[in-house]
Amino acid sequence: MRHLAESATIADYEQLIYDIVNDGRSVVYLYVFRGRHYYAVRGFSKENDEWLVIFGQNGIIETAFPPESPDNYLEHRGFVHLARTVEVLGWTKEVNN
């Protein structure tokens, strides 16, 4: 989709996703569609472009891309704000202890 530089590799794409998901300032949203849960992580690349990383309820990445208008994309589809990633990751640590 040409979201990355022409010289970018799949490893670069994976690193971008990893960095966004693991940045405690990124924000997590929930979207329910036909009884299935999807989660979007909204954050910034190192180039300061805003990206969405969307996961299915099974934890598999559905897509990752820089939408033209993240607010419009999330609002139009009915995503619900949950928390920052640092909070969500904290919840998982509490459950595992």
C-alpha atoms as a PDB file:
ATOM      1  CA  MET A   1       0.000   0.000   0.000  1.00  0.00           C
ATOM      2  CA  ARG A   2       3.117   2.201  -0.082  1.00  0.00           C
ATOM      3  CA  HIS A   3       2.758   3.285   3.528  1.00  0.00           C
ATOM      4  CA  LEU A   4       6.483   2.722   4.019  1.00  0.00           C
ATOM      5  CA  ALA A   5       9.545   3.744   2.048  1.00  0.00           C
ATOM      6  CA  GLU A   6      10.182   1.683  -1.074  1.00  0.00           C
ATOM      7  CA  SER A   7      13.328   0.256   0.521  1.00  0.00           C
ATOM      8  CA  ALA A   8      11.424  -0.930   3.654  1.00  0.00           C
ATOM      9  CA  THR A   9      11.367  -4.627   4.450  1.00  0.00           C
ATOM     10  CA  ILE A  10       8.844  -6.797   6.258  1.00  0.00           C
ATOM     11  CA  ALA A  11      11.193  -6.575   9.256  1.00  0.00           C
ATOM     12  CA  ASP A  12      10.850  -2.766   9.154  1.00  0.00           C
ATOM     13  CA  TYR A  13       7.046  -3.121   9.098  1.00  0.00           C
ATOM     14  CA  GLU A  14       7.120  -5.572  12.003  1.00  0.00           C
ATOM     15  CA  GLN A  15       9.408  -3.249  13.985  1.00  0.00           C
ATOM     16  CA  LEU A  16       7.056  -0.312  13.387  1.00  0.00           C
ATOM     17  CA  ILE A  17       4.124  -2.373  14.688  1.00  0.00           C
ATOM     18  CA  TYR A  18       6.143  -3.588  17.670  1.00  0.00           C
ATOM     19  CA  ASP A  19       7.209  -0.047  18.563  1.00  0.00           C
ATOM     20  CA  ILE A  20       3.654   1.319  18.385  1.00  0.00           C
ATOM     21  CA  VAL A  21       2.115  -1.502  20.425  1.00  0.00           C
ATOM     22  CA  ASN A  22       4.828  -1.330  23.085  1.00  0.00           C
ATOM     23  CA  ASP A  23       4.799   2.452  23.434  1.00  0.00           C
ATOM     24  CA  GLY A  24       3.027   3.186  26.715  1.00  0.00           C
ATOM     25  CA  ARG A  25       1.619   6.397  25.219  1.00  0.00           C
ATOM     26  CA  SER A  26      -0.276   4.571  22.463  1.00  0.00           C
ATOM     27  CA  VAL A  27      -4.024   4.214  22.954  1.00  0.00           C
ATOM     28  CA  VAL A  28      -6.124   1.026  22.794  1.00  0.00           C
ATOM     29  CA  TYR A  29      -9.663   0.924  21.385  1.00  0.00           C
ATOM     30  CA  LEU A  30     -12.284  -1.834  21.207  1.00  0.00           C
ATOM     31  CA  TYR A  31     -14.575  -2.498  18.258  1.00  0.00           C
ATOM     32  CA  VAL A  32     -17.293  -5.163  18.256  1.00  0.00           C
ATOM     33  CA  PHE A  33     -18.477  -6.414  14.873  1.00  0.00           C
ATOM     34  CA  ARG A  34     -20.896  -9.333  14.503  1.00  0.00           C
ATOM     35  CA  GLY A  35     -20.074 -10.536  17.994  1.00  0.00           C
ATOM     36  CA  ARG A  36     -16.310 -10.501  17.439  1.00  0.00           C
ATOM     37  CA  HIS A  37     -13.934  -8.215  19.282  1.00  0.00           C
ATOM     38  CA  TYR A  38     -11.271  -6.211  17.471  1.00  0.00           C
ATOM     39  CA  TYR A  39      -8.663  -4.048  19.126  1.00  0.00           C
ATOM     40  CA  ALA A  40      -6.941  -1.032  17.618  1.00  0.00           C
ATOM     41  CA  VAL A  41      -3.740   0.467  18.936  1.00  0.00           C
ATOM     42  CA  ARG A  42      -3.251   4.083  17.911  1.00  0.00           C
ATOM     43  CA  GLY A  43       0.277   5.443  18.058  1.00  0.00           C
ATOM     44  CA  PHE A  44       3.091   7.181  16.252  1.00  0.00           C
ATOM     45  CA  SER A  45       5.936   5.882  14.122  1.00  0.00           C
ATOM     46  CA  LYS A  46       9.486   7.166  14.553  1.00  0.00           C
ATOM     47  CA  GLU A  47       8.748   9.504  11.637  1.00  0.00           C
ATOM     48  CA  ASN A  48       5.868  10.922  13.728  1.00  0.00           C
ATOM     49  CA  ASP A  49       3.171   9.513  11.418  1.00  0.00           C
ATOM     50  CA  GLU A  50       0.045   8.345  13.229  1.00  0.00           C
ATOM     51  CA  TRP A  51      -0.757   4.649  12.682  1.00  0.00           C
ATOM     52  CA  LEU A  52      -3.448   2.166  13.651  1.00  0.00           C
ATOM     53  CA  VAL A  53      -2.614  -1.460  14.368  1.00  0.00           C
ATOM     54  CA  ILE A  54      -5.741  -3.628  14.407  1.00  0.00           C
ATOM     55  CA  PHE A  55      -5.919  -7.065  16.011  1.00  0.00           C
ATOM     56  CA  GLY A  56      -8.640  -9.693  16.002  1.00  0.00           C
ATOM     57  CA  GLN A  57      -9.853 -11.206  19.273  1.00  0.00           C
ATOM     58  CA  ASN A  58      -7.396 -14.068  18.717  1.00  0.00           C
ATOM     59  CA  GLY A  59      -4.463 -11.623  18.921  1.00  0.00           C
ATOM     60  CA  ILE A  60      -3.568 -11.901  15.249  1.00  0.00           C
ATOM     61  CA  ILE A  61      -2.880  -8.632  13.464  1.00  0.00           C
ATOM     62  CA  GLU A  62      -5.542  -7.842  10.887  1.00  0.00           C
ATOM     63  CA  THR A  63      -3.880  -4.712   9.485  1.00  0.00           C
ATOM     64  CA  ALA A  64      -1.632  -1.773  10.280  1.00  0.00           C
ATOM     65  CA  PHE A  65      -1.744   1.509   8.395  1.00  0.00           C
ATOM     66  CA  PRO A  66      -1.601   5.309   8.739  1.00  0.00           C
ATOM     67  CA  PRO A  67      -5.194   6.497   8.188  1.00  0.00           C
ATOM     68  CA  GLU A  68      -5.770   9.933   6.674  1.00  0.00           C
ATOM     69  CA  SER A  69      -7.899  10.928   9.661  1.00  0.00           C
ATOM     70  CA  PRO A  70      -7.541   8.580  12.638  1.00  0.00           C
ATOM     71  CA  ASP A  71     -10.338  10.322  14.560  1.00  0.00           C
ATOM     72  CA  ASN A  72     -12.794   9.959  11.681  1.00  0.00           C
ATOM     73  CA  TYR A  73     -11.777   6.338  11.048  1.00  0.00           C
ATOM     74  CA  LEU A  74     -12.300   5.333  14.682  1.00  0.00           C
ATOM     75  CA  GLU A  75     -15.489   7.345  15.239  1.00  0.00           C
ATOM     76  CA  HIS A  76     -17.135   6.292  11.967  1.00  0.00           C
ATOM     77  CA  ARG A  77     -16.718   2.609  12.798  1.00  0.00           C
ATOM     78  CA  GLY A  78     -17.687   2.936  16.452  1.00  0.00           C
ATOM     79  CA  PHE A  79     -14.414   2.108  18.183  1.00  0.00           C
ATOM     80  CA  VAL A  80     -14.561   2.655  21.954  1.00  0.00           C
ATOM     81  CA  HIS A  81     -11.586   4.100  23.832  1.00  0.00           C
ATOM     82  CA  LEU A  82     -10.242   1.715  26.489  1.00  0.00           C
ATOM     83  CA  ALA A  83      -6.922   3.012  27.854  1.00  0.00           C
ATOM     84  CA  ARG A  84      -3.285   3.685  27.074  1.00  0.00           C
ATOM     85  CA  THR A  85      -1.169   0.624  26.337  1.00  0.00           C
ATOM     86  CA  VAL A  86       0.777   1.060  29.572  1.00  0.00           C
ATOM     87  CA  GLU A  87      -2.498   0.612  31.487  1.00  0.00           C
ATOM     88  CA  VAL A  88      -3.648  -2.377  29.414  1.00  0.00           C
ATOM     89  CA  LEU A  89      -0.276  -4.079  29.806  1.00  0.00           C
ATOM     90  CA  GLY A  90      -0.498  -3.404  33.547  1.00  0.00           C
ATOM     91  CA  TRP A  91      -3.864  -5.164  33.658  1.00  0.00           C
ATOM     92  CA  THR A  92      -2.373  -8.241  32.002  1.00  0.00           C
ATOM     93  CA  LYS A  93       0.421  -8.343  34.578  1.00  0.00           C
ATOM     94  CA  GLU A  94      -2.158  -8.180  37.393  1.00  0.00           C
ATOM     95  CA  VAL A  95      -4.103 -11.097  35.892  1.00  0.00           C
ATOM     96  CA  ASN A  96      -0.950 -13.197  35.496  1.00  0.00           C
ATOM     97  CA  ASN A  97       0.195 -12.666  39.107  1.00  0.00           C
END
